[in-house]
Amino acid sequence: METEMVKITKASSKGQVVIPEDIRKRLKIQKGSIFVITSKKEMIVLRKLDTKMTKADLRTLKAVEDAWKDMEHGKYKVLNVNEFSQELSEW
């Protein structure tokens, strides 16, 4: 099982955010890659998209939507970095 690493980056004066090189390589992000982005309160979710949406992509987007609703209703837990990485890798 691959362990996800937490990275820190910052926004430029134009609002651009650098995706670290190792993540770009692992996800095969190249110039022109397409992303879907959403935000809620202080959280941003960024997902690389293929030009074709698969059923798995739609299920993932639905799961994110359901997670937002759960958070709005106080249904969430606080995780440390290791717990978050483990849950993210299982997701």
PDB file of N, CA and C in Angstrom:
ATOM      1  N   MET A   1       0.846  -1.177   0.000  1.00  0.00           N
ATOM      2  CA  MET A   1       0.000   0.000   0.000  1.00  0.00           C
ATOM      3  C   MET A   1       0.894   1.243   0.000  1.00  0.00           C
ATOM      4  N   GLU A   2       0.592   2.156  -0.879  1.00  0.00           N
ATOM      5  CA  GLU A   2       1.385   3.379  -1.006  1.00  0.00           C
ATOM      6  C   GLU A   2       0.982   4.384   0.064  1.00  0.00           C
ATOM      7  N   THR A   3       1.967   4.942   0.750  1.00  0.00           N
ATOM      8  CA  THR A   3       1.704   5.950   1.769  1.00  0.00           C
ATOM      9  C   THR A   3       1.760   7.330   1.125  1.00  0.00           C
ATOM     10  N   GLU A   4       0.725   8.119   1.345  1.00  0.00           N
ATOM     11  CA  GLU A   4       0.688   9.477   0.827  1.00  0.00           C
ATOM     12  C   GLU A   4       1.523  10.368   1.733  1.00  0.00           C
ATOM     13  N   MET A   5       2.206  11.324   1.130  1.00  0.00           N
ATOM     14  CA  MET A   5       2.989  12.262   1.912  1.00  0.00           C
ATOM     15  C   MET A   5       2.288  13.614   1.897  1.00  0.00           C
ATOM     16  N   VAL A   6       2.318  14.283   3.004  1.00  0.00           N
ATOM     17  CA  VAL A   6       1.749  15.619   3.102  1.00  0.00           C
ATOM     18  C   VAL A   6       2.805  16.608   2.643  1.00  0.00           C
ATOM     19  N   LYS A   7       2.454  17.498   1.757  1.00  0.00           N
ATOM     20  CA  LYS A   7       3.373  18.506   1.235  1.00  0.00           C
ATOM     21  C   LYS A   7       2.834  19.886   1.585  1.00  0.00           C
ATOM     22  N   ILE A   8       3.733  20.844   1.669  1.00  0.00           N
ATOM     23  CA  ILE A   8       3.359  22.230   1.923  1.00  0.00           C
ATOM     24  C   ILE A   8       3.770  23.060   0.716  1.00  0.00           C
ATOM     25  N   THR A   9       2.885  23.918   0.266  1.00  0.00           N
ATOM     26  CA  THR A   9       3.150  24.799  -0.858  1.00  0.00           C
ATOM     27  C   THR A   9       2.528  26.148  -0.547  1.00  0.00           C
ATOM     28  N   LYS A  10       2.727  27.131  -1.397  1.00  0.00           N
ATOM     29  CA  LYS A  10       2.119  28.431  -1.148  1.00  0.00           C
ATOM     30  C   LYS A  10       1.610  29.025  -2.456  1.00  0.00           C
ATOM     31  N   ALA A  11       0.718  29.972  -2.329  1.00  0.00           N
ATOM     32  CA  ALA A  11       0.132  30.625  -3.493  1.00  0.00           C
ATOM     33  C   ALA A  11       1.001  31.789  -3.937  1.00  0.00           C
ATOM     34  N   SER A  12       1.059  31.998  -5.264  1.00  0.00           N
ATOM     35  CA  SER A  12       1.786  33.142  -5.810  1.00  0.00           C
ATOM     36  C   SER A  12       0.893  34.376  -5.743  1.00  0.00           C
ATOM     37  N   SER A  13       1.413  35.509  -6.164  1.00  0.00           N
ATOM     38  CA  SER A  13       0.619  36.743  -6.170  1.00  0.00           C
ATOM     39  C   SER A  13      -0.565  36.640  -7.126  1.00  0.00           C
ATOM     40  N   LYS A  14      -0.504  35.712  -8.090  1.00  0.00           N
ATOM     41  CA  LYS A  14      -1.605  35.494  -9.036  1.00  0.00           C
ATOM     42  C   LYS A  14      -2.545  34.373  -8.576  1.00  0.00           C
ATOM     43  N   GLY A  15      -2.308  33.822  -7.386  1.00  0.00           N
ATOM     44  CA  GLY A  15      -3.153  32.754  -6.871  1.00  0.00           C
ATOM     45  C   GLY A  15      -2.763  31.374  -7.375  1.00  0.00           C
ATOM     46  N   GLN A  16      -1.630  31.282  -8.041  1.00  0.00           N
ATOM     47  CA  GLN A  16      -1.179  29.982  -8.548  1.00  0.00           C
ATOM     48  C   GLN A  16      -0.519  29.194  -7.421  1.00  0.00           C
ATOM     49  N   VAL A  17      -0.764  27.878  -7.407  1.00  0.00           N
ATOM     50  CA  VAL A  17      -0.193  27.000  -6.395  1.00  0.00           C
ATOM     51  C   VAL A  17       0.653  25.948  -7.100  1.00  0.00           C
ATOM     52  N   VAL A  18       1.863  25.738  -6.607  1.00  0.00           N
ATOM     53  CA  VAL A  18       2.757  24.744  -7.190  1.00  0.00           C
ATOM     54  C   VAL A  18       2.416  23.373  -6.630  1.00  0.00           C
ATOM     55  N   ILE A  19       2.235  22.393  -7.519  1.00  0.00           N
ATOM     56  CA  ILE A  19       2.075  20.999  -7.120  1.00  0.00           C
ATOM     57  C   ILE A  19       3.481  20.402  -7.120  1.00  0.00           C
ATOM     58  N   PRO A  20       3.941  19.877  -5.984  1.00  0.00           N
ATOM     59  CA  PRO A  20       5.311  19.367  -5.912  1.00  0.00           C
ATOM     60  C   PRO A  20       5.614  18.340  -7.016  1.00  0.00           C
ATOM     61  N   GLU A  21       6.867  18.339  -7.458  1.00  0.00           N
ATOM     62  CA  GLU A  21       7.289  17.527  -8.598  1.00  0.00           C
ATOM     63  C   GLU A  21       6.995  16.044  -8.424  1.00  0.00           C
ATOM     64  N   ASP A  22       7.252  15.485  -7.242  1.00  0.00           N
ATOM     65  CA  ASP A  22       7.017  14.053  -7.064  1.00  0.00           C
ATOM     66  C   ASP A  22       5.537  13.696  -7.216  1.00  0.00           C
ATOM     67  N   ILE A  23       4.656  14.584  -6.799  1.00  0.00           N
ATOM     68  CA  ILE A  23       3.220  14.354  -6.969  1.00  0.00           C
ATOM     69  C   ILE A  23       2.845  14.491  -8.446  1.00  0.00           C
ATOM     70  N   ARG A  24       3.398  15.502  -9.129  1.00  0.00           N
ATOM     71  CA  ARG A  24       3.127  15.660 -10.572  1.00  0.00           C
ATOM     72  C   ARG A  24       3.551  14.421 -11.344  1.00  0.00           C
ATOM     73  N   LYS A  25       4.717  13.874 -11.012  1.00  0.00           N
ATOM     74  CA  LYS A  25       5.203  12.677 -11.711  1.00  0.00           C
ATOM     75  C   LYS A  25       4.308  11.479 -11.432  1.00  0.00           C
ATOM     76  N   ARG A  26       3.970  11.267 -10.158  1.00  0.00           N
ATOM     77  CA  ARG A  26       3.159  10.107  -9.777  1.00  0.00           C
ATOM     78  C   ARG A  26       1.778  10.151 -10.432  1.00  0.00           C
ATOM     79  N   LEU A  27       1.204  11.357 -10.528  1.00  0.00           N
ATOM     80  CA  LEU A  27      -0.138  11.498 -11.111  1.00  0.00           C
ATOM     81  C   LEU A  27      -0.107  11.806 -12.601  1.00  0.00           C
ATOM     82  N   LYS A  28       1.111  11.846 -13.168  1.00  0.00           N
ATOM     83  CA  LYS A  28       1.285  12.128 -14.602  1.00  0.00           C
ATOM     84  C   LYS A  28       0.609  13.448 -14.993  1.00  0.00           C
ATOM     85  N   ILE A  29       0.848  14.473 -14.174  1.00  0.00           N
ATOM     86  CA  ILE A  29       0.321  15.816 -14.452  1.00  0.00           C
ATOM     87  C   ILE A  29       1.287  16.511 -15.395  1.00  0.00           C
ATOM     88  N   GLN A  30       0.754  16.970 -16.513  1.00  0.00           N
ATOM     89  CA  GLN A  30       1.553  17.665 -17.512  1.00  0.00           C
ATOM     90  C   GLN A  30       0.886  18.992 -17.838  1.00  0.00           C
ATOM     91  N   LYS A  31       1.579  19.820 -18.587  1.00  0.00           N
ATOM     92  CA  LYS A  31       1.007  21.078 -19.042  1.00  0.00           C
ATOM     93  C   LYS A  31      -0.310  20.767 -19.754  1.00  0.00           C
ATOM     94  N   GLY A  32      -1.366  21.460 -19.374  1.00  0.00           N
ATOM     95  CA  GLY A  32      -2.666  21.252 -19.992  1.00  0.00           C
ATOM     96  C   GLY A  32      -3.540  20.227 -19.281  1.00  0.00           C
ATOM     97  N   SER A  33      -3.018  19.565 -18.216  1.00  0.00           N
ATOM     98  CA  SER A  33      -3.851  18.623 -17.463  1.00  0.00           C
ATOM     99  C   SER A  33      -5.077  19.366 -16.927  1.00  0.00           C
ATOM    100  N   ILE A  34      -6.195  18.664 -16.873  1.00  0.00           N
ATOM    101  CA  ILE A  34      -7.462  19.269 -16.459  1.00  0.00           C
ATOM    102  C   ILE A  34      -7.809  18.812 -15.048  1.00  0.00           C
ATOM    103  N   PHE A  35      -8.320  19.758 -14.249  1.00  0.00           N
ATOM    104  CA  PHE A  35      -8.672  19.487 -12.862  1.00  0.00           C
ATOM    105  C   PHE A  35     -10.083  19.970 -12.568  1.00  0.00           C
ATOM    106  N   VAL A  36     -10.701  19.346 -11.591  1.00  0.00           N
ATOM    107  CA  VAL A  36     -11.926  19.860 -11.003  1.00  0.00           C
ATOM    108  C   VAL A  36     -11.523  20.330  -9.607  1.00  0.00           C
ATOM    109  N   ILE A  37     -12.054  21.464  -9.189  1.00  0.00           N
ATOM    110  CA  ILE A  37     -11.711  22.019  -7.879  1.00  0.00           C
ATOM    111  C   ILE A  37     -12.984  22.485  -7.188  1.00  0.00           C
ATOM    112  N   THR A  38     -13.034  22.254  -5.896  1.00  0.00           N
ATOM    113  CA  THR A  38     -14.156  22.714  -5.097  1.00  0.00           C
ATOM    114  C   THR A  38     -13.619  23.172  -3.748  1.00  0.00           C
ATOM    115  N   SER A  39     -14.388  23.972  -3.056  1.00  0.00           N
ATOM    116  CA  SER A  39     -13.956  24.430  -1.742  1.00  0.00           C
ATOM    117  C   SER A  39     -15.147  24.529  -0.810  1.00  0.00           C
ATOM    118  N   LYS A  40     -14.855  24.422   0.451  1.00  0.00           N
ATOM    119  CA  LYS A  40     -15.868  24.570   1.489  1.00  0.00           C
ATOM    120  C   LYS A  40     -15.145  25.077   2.715  1.00  0.00           C
ATOM    121  N   LYS A  41     -15.567  26.232   3.197  1.00  0.00           N
ATOM    122  CA  LYS A  41     -14.922  26.866   4.343  1.00  0.00           C
ATOM    123  C   LYS A  41     -13.425  26.981   4.078  1.00  0.00           C
ATOM    124  N   GLU A  42     -12.566  26.314   4.843  1.00  0.00           N
ATOM    125  CA  GLU A  42     -11.109  26.458   4.706  1.00  0.00           C
ATOM    126  C   GLU A  42     -10.455  25.302   3.949  1.00  0.00           C
ATOM    127  N   MET A  43     -11.240  24.451   3.275  1.00  0.00           N
ATOM    128  CA  MET A  43     -10.683  23.283   2.607  1.00  0.00           C
ATOM    129  C   MET A  43     -10.851  23.386   1.096  1.00  0.00           C
ATOM    130  N   ILE A  44      -9.824  22.958   0.362  1.00  0.00           N
ATOM    131  CA  ILE A  44      -9.854  22.909  -1.096  1.00  0.00           C
ATOM    132  C   ILE A  44      -9.614  21.467  -1.518  1.00  0.00           C
ATOM    133  N   VAL A  45     -10.428  20.974  -2.447  1.00  0.00           N
ATOM    134  CA  VAL A  45     -10.222  19.639  -3.008  1.00  0.00           C
ATOM    135  C   VAL A  45      -9.939  19.811  -4.492  1.00  0.00           C
ATOM    136  N   LEU A  46      -8.823  19.261  -4.937  1.00  0.00           N
ATOM    137  CA  LEU A  46      -8.377  19.365  -6.326  1.00  0.00           C
ATOM    138  C   LEU A  46      -8.217  17.946  -6.847  1.00  0.00           C
ATOM    139  N   ARG A  47      -8.847  17.647  -7.979  1.00  0.00           N
ATOM    140  CA  ARG A  47      -8.750  16.300  -8.551  1.00  0.00           C
ATOM    141  C   ARG A  47      -8.421  16.399 -10.026  1.00  0.00           C
ATOM    142  N   LYS A  48      -7.400  15.649 -10.440  1.00  0.00           N
ATOM    143  CA  LYS A  48      -7.035  15.580 -11.854  1.00  0.00           C
ATOM    144  C   LYS A  48      -8.115  14.789 -12.584  1.00  0.00           C
ATOM    145  N   LEU A  49      -8.520  15.279 -13.733  1.00  0.00           N
ATOM    146  CA  LEU A  49      -9.534  14.593 -14.527  1.00  0.00           C
ATOM    147  C   LEU A  49      -8.968  14.111 -15.842  1.00  0.00           C
ATOM    148  N   ASP A  50      -9.453  12.973 -16.285  1.00  0.00           N
ATOM    149  CA  ASP A  50      -9.229  12.564 -17.656  1.00  0.00           C
ATOM    150  C   ASP A  50     -10.282  13.293 -18.474  1.00  0.00           C
ATOM    151  N   THR A  51     -10.115  13.311 -19.772  1.00  0.00           N
ATOM    152  CA  THR A  51     -11.130  13.974 -20.590  1.00  0.00           C
ATOM    153  C   THR A  51     -12.418  13.163 -20.602  1.00  0.00           C
ATOM    154  N   LYS A  52     -12.337  11.892 -20.177  1.00  0.00           N
ATOM    155  CA  LYS A  52     -13.529  11.049 -20.084  1.00  0.00           C
ATOM    156  C   LYS A  52     -13.852  10.832 -18.613  1.00  0.00           C
ATOM    157  N   MET A  53     -15.094  11.046 -18.224  1.00  0.00           N
ATOM    158  CA  MET A  53     -15.528  10.771 -16.862  1.00  0.00           C
ATOM    159  C   MET A  53     -15.959   9.308 -16.788  1.00  0.00           C
ATOM    160  N   THR A  54     -15.379   8.572 -15.864  1.00  0.00           N
ATOM    161  CA  THR A  54     -15.756   7.176 -15.679  1.00  0.00           C
ATOM    162  C   THR A  54     -16.780   7.070 -14.550  1.00  0.00           C
ATOM    163  N   LYS A  55     -17.366   5.904 -14.420  1.00  0.00           N
ATOM    164  CA  LYS A  55     -18.295   5.674 -13.313  1.00  0.00           C
ATOM    165  C   LYS A  55     -17.574   5.837 -11.980  1.00  0.00           C
ATOM    166  N   ALA A  56     -16.313   5.414 -11.920  1.00  0.00           N
ATOM    167  CA  ALA A  56     -15.529   5.567 -10.686  1.00  0.00           C
ATOM    168  C   ALA A  56     -15.334   7.051 -10.352  1.00  0.00           C
ATOM    169  N   ASP A  57     -15.090   7.888 -11.392  1.00  0.00           N
ATOM    170  CA  ASP A  57     -14.950   9.329 -11.166  1.00  0.00           C
ATOM    171  C   ASP A  57     -16.240   9.904 -10.584  1.00  0.00           C
ATOM    172  N   LEU A  58     -17.356   9.509 -11.144  1.00  0.00           N
ATOM    173  CA  LEU A  58     -18.645  10.017 -10.662  1.00  0.00           C
ATOM    174  C   LEU A  58     -18.918   9.566  -9.229  1.00  0.00           C
ATOM    175  N   ARG A  59     -18.548   8.319  -8.898  1.00  0.00           N
ATOM    176  CA  ARG A  59     -18.716   7.836  -7.516  1.00  0.00           C
ATOM    177  C   ARG A  59     -17.837   8.638  -6.564  1.00  0.00           C
ATOM    178  N   THR A  60     -16.604   8.946  -6.986  1.00  0.00           N
ATOM    179  CA  THR A  60     -15.690   9.721  -6.145  1.00  0.00           C
ATOM    180  C   THR A  60     -16.248  11.119  -5.905  1.00  0.00           C
ATOM    181  N   LEU A  61     -16.721  11.765  -6.968  1.00  0.00           N
ATOM    182  CA  LEU A  61     -17.294  13.107  -6.814  1.00  0.00           C
ATOM    183  C   LEU A  61     -18.519  13.080  -5.911  1.00  0.00           C
ATOM    184  N   LYS A  62     -19.341  12.034  -6.011  1.00  0.00           N
ATOM    185  CA  LYS A  62     -20.511  11.886  -5.134  1.00  0.00           C
ATOM    186  C   LYS A  62     -20.056  11.694  -3.687  1.00  0.00           C
ATOM    187  N   ALA A  63     -18.992  10.913  -3.479  1.00  0.00           N
ATOM    188  CA  ALA A  63     -18.478  10.694  -2.124  1.00  0.00           C
ATOM    189  C   ALA A  63     -17.982  12.001  -1.507  1.00  0.00           C
ATOM    190  N   VAL A  64     -17.325  12.843  -2.319  1.00  0.00           N
ATOM    191  CA  VAL A  64     -16.864  14.149  -1.825  1.00  0.00           C
ATOM    192  C   VAL A  64     -18.068  15.010  -1.450  1.00  0.00           C
ATOM    193  N   GLU A  65     -19.086  15.020  -2.300  1.00  0.00           N
ATOM    194  CA  GLU A  65     -20.300  15.790  -2.003  1.00  0.00           C
ATOM    195  C   GLU A  65     -20.937  15.304  -0.700  1.00  0.00           C
ATOM    196  N   ASP A  66     -21.034  13.993  -0.534  1.00  0.00           N
ATOM    197  CA  ASP A  66     -21.604  13.440   0.698  1.00  0.00           C
ATOM    198  C   ASP A  66     -20.753  13.809   1.917  1.00  0.00           C
ATOM    199  N   ALA A  67     -19.430  13.816   1.750  1.00  0.00           N
ATOM    200  CA  ALA A  67     -18.538  14.183   2.854  1.00  0.00           C
ATOM    201  C   ALA A  67     -18.770  15.630   3.275  1.00  0.00           C
ATOM    202  N   TRP A  68     -18.957  16.542   2.291  1.00  0.00           N
ATOM    203  CA  TRP A  68     -19.248  17.947   2.625  1.00  0.00           C
ATOM    204  C   TRP A  68     -20.509  18.025   3.475  1.00  0.00           C
ATOM    205  N   LYS A  69     -21.542  17.278   3.076  1.00  0.00           N
ATOM    206  CA  LYS A  69     -22.805  17.307   3.823  1.00  0.00           C
ATOM    207  C   LYS A  69     -22.597  16.799   5.244  1.00  0.00           C
ATOM    208  N   ASP A  70     -21.829  15.716   5.385  1.00  0.00           N
ATOM    209  CA  ASP A  70     -21.545  15.192   6.724  1.00  0.00           C
ATOM    210  C   ASP A  70     -20.824  16.228   7.573  1.00  0.00           C
ATOM    211  N   MET A  71     -19.843  16.913   6.992  1.00  0.00           N
ATOM    212  CA  MET A  71     -19.103  17.933   7.739  1.00  0.00           C
ATOM    213  C   MET A  71     -20.021  19.070   8.161  1.00  0.00           C
ATOM    214  N   GLU A  72     -20.949  19.466   7.283  1.00  0.00           N
ATOM    215  CA  GLU A  72     -21.889  20.534   7.626  1.00  0.00           C
ATOM    216  C   GLU A  72     -22.755  20.152   8.820  1.00  0.00           C
ATOM    217  N   HIS A  73     -23.007  18.859   8.990  1.00  0.00           N
ATOM    218  CA  HIS A  73     -23.847  18.377  10.085  1.00  0.00           C
ATOM    219  C   HIS A  73     -23.022  17.900  11.280  1.00  0.00           C
ATOM    220  N   GLY A  74     -21.731  18.268  11.299  1.00  0.00           N
ATOM    221  CA  GLY A  74     -20.878  17.936  12.433  1.00  0.00           C
ATOM    222  C   GLY A  74     -20.422  16.491  12.479  1.00  0.00           C
ATOM    223  N   LYS A  75     -20.591  15.767  11.390  1.00  0.00           N
ATOM    224  CA  LYS A  75     -20.193  14.353  11.345  1.00  0.00           C
ATOM    225  C   LYS A  75     -18.797  14.233  10.735  1.00  0.00           C
ATOM    226  N   TYR A  76     -17.797  14.466  11.552  1.00  0.00           N
ATOM    227  CA  TYR A  76     -16.417  14.340  11.103  1.00  0.00           C
ATOM    228  C   TYR A  76     -15.538  14.022  12.292  1.00  0.00           C
ATOM    229  N   LYS A  77     -14.314  13.603  12.009  1.00  0.00           N
ATOM    230  CA  LYS A  77     -13.375  13.324  13.082  1.00  0.00           C
ATOM    231  C   LYS A  77     -12.057  14.012  12.777  1.00  0.00           C
ATOM    232  N   VAL A  78     -11.322  14.347  13.821  1.00  0.00           N
ATOM    233  CA  VAL A  78     -10.022  14.985  13.679  1.00  0.00           C
ATOM    234  C   VAL A  78      -8.963  13.885  13.648  1.00  0.00           C
ATOM    235  N   LEU A  79      -8.096  13.935  12.625  1.00  0.00           N
ATOM    236  CA  LEU A  79      -7.042  12.936  12.464  1.00  0.00           C
ATOM    237  C   LEU A  79      -5.670  13.586  12.543  1.00  0.00           C
ATOM    238  N   ASN A  80      -4.686  12.837  13.037  1.00  0.00           N
ATOM    239  CA  ASN A  80      -3.318  13.337  12.944  1.00  0.00           C
ATOM    240  C   ASN A  80      -2.818  13.037  11.528  1.00  0.00           C
ATOM    241  N   VAL A  81      -1.622  13.477  11.181  1.00  0.00           N
ATOM    242  CA  VAL A  81      -1.100  13.342   9.822  1.00  0.00           C
ATOM    243  C   VAL A  81      -1.043  11.877   9.394  1.00  0.00           C
ATOM    244  N   ASN A  82      -0.570  10.989  10.259  1.00  0.00           N
ATOM    245  CA  ASN A  82      -0.461   9.570   9.897  1.00  0.00           C
ATOM    246  C   ASN A  82      -1.829   8.950   9.667  1.00  0.00           C
ATOM    247  N   GLU A  83      -2.790   9.250  10.539  1.00  0.00           N
ATOM    248  CA  GLU A  83      -4.142   8.724  10.366  1.00  0.00           C
ATOM    249  C   GLU A  83      -4.764   9.249   9.077  1.00  0.00           C
ATOM    250  N   PHE A  84      -4.551  10.549   8.793  1.00  0.00           N
ATOM    251  CA  PHE A  84      -5.082  11.153   7.568  1.00  0.00           C
ATOM    252  C   PHE A  84      -4.467  10.489   6.332  1.00  0.00           C
ATOM    253  N   SER A  85      -3.153  10.289   6.343  1.00  0.00           N
ATOM    254  CA  SER A  85      -2.466   9.646   5.212  1.00  0.00           C
ATOM    255  C   SER A  85      -2.997   8.231   5.004  1.00  0.00           C
ATOM    256  N   GLN A  86      -3.196   7.494   6.076  1.00  0.00           N
ATOM    257  CA  GLN A  86      -3.722   6.133   5.975  1.00  0.00           C
ATOM    258  C   GLN A  86      -5.126   6.140   5.376  1.00  0.00           C
ATOM    259  N   GLU A  87      -5.986   7.011   5.873  1.00  0.00           N
ATOM    260  CA  GLU A  87      -7.353   7.069   5.353  1.00  0.00           C
ATOM    261  C   GLU A  87      -7.373   7.516   3.903  1.00  0.00           C
ATOM    262  N   LEU A  88      -6.524   8.467   3.565  1.00  0.00           N
ATOM    263  CA  LEU A  88      -6.443   8.953   2.182  1.00  0.00           C
ATOM    264  C   LEU A  88      -5.986   7.841   1.245  1.00  0.00           C
ATOM    265  N   SER A  89      -5.006   7.050   1.669  1.00  0.00           N
ATOM    266  CA  SER A  89      -4.516   5.971   0.805  1.00  0.00           C
ATOM    267  C   SER A  89      -5.586   4.890   0.607  1.00  0.00           C
ATOM    268  N   GLU A  90      -6.421   4.669   1.615  1.00  0.00           N
ATOM    269  CA  GLU A  90      -7.512   3.697   1.478  1.00  0.00           C
ATOM    270  C   GLU A  90      -8.623   4.237   0.598  1.00  0.00           C
ATOM    271  N   TRP A  91      -8.810   5.563   0.589  1.00  0.00           N
ATOM    272  CA  TRP A  91      -9.857   6.201  -0.199  1.00  0.00           C
ATOM    273  C   TRP A  91      -9.519   6.106  -1.655  1.00  0.00           C
TER     274      TRP A  91
END
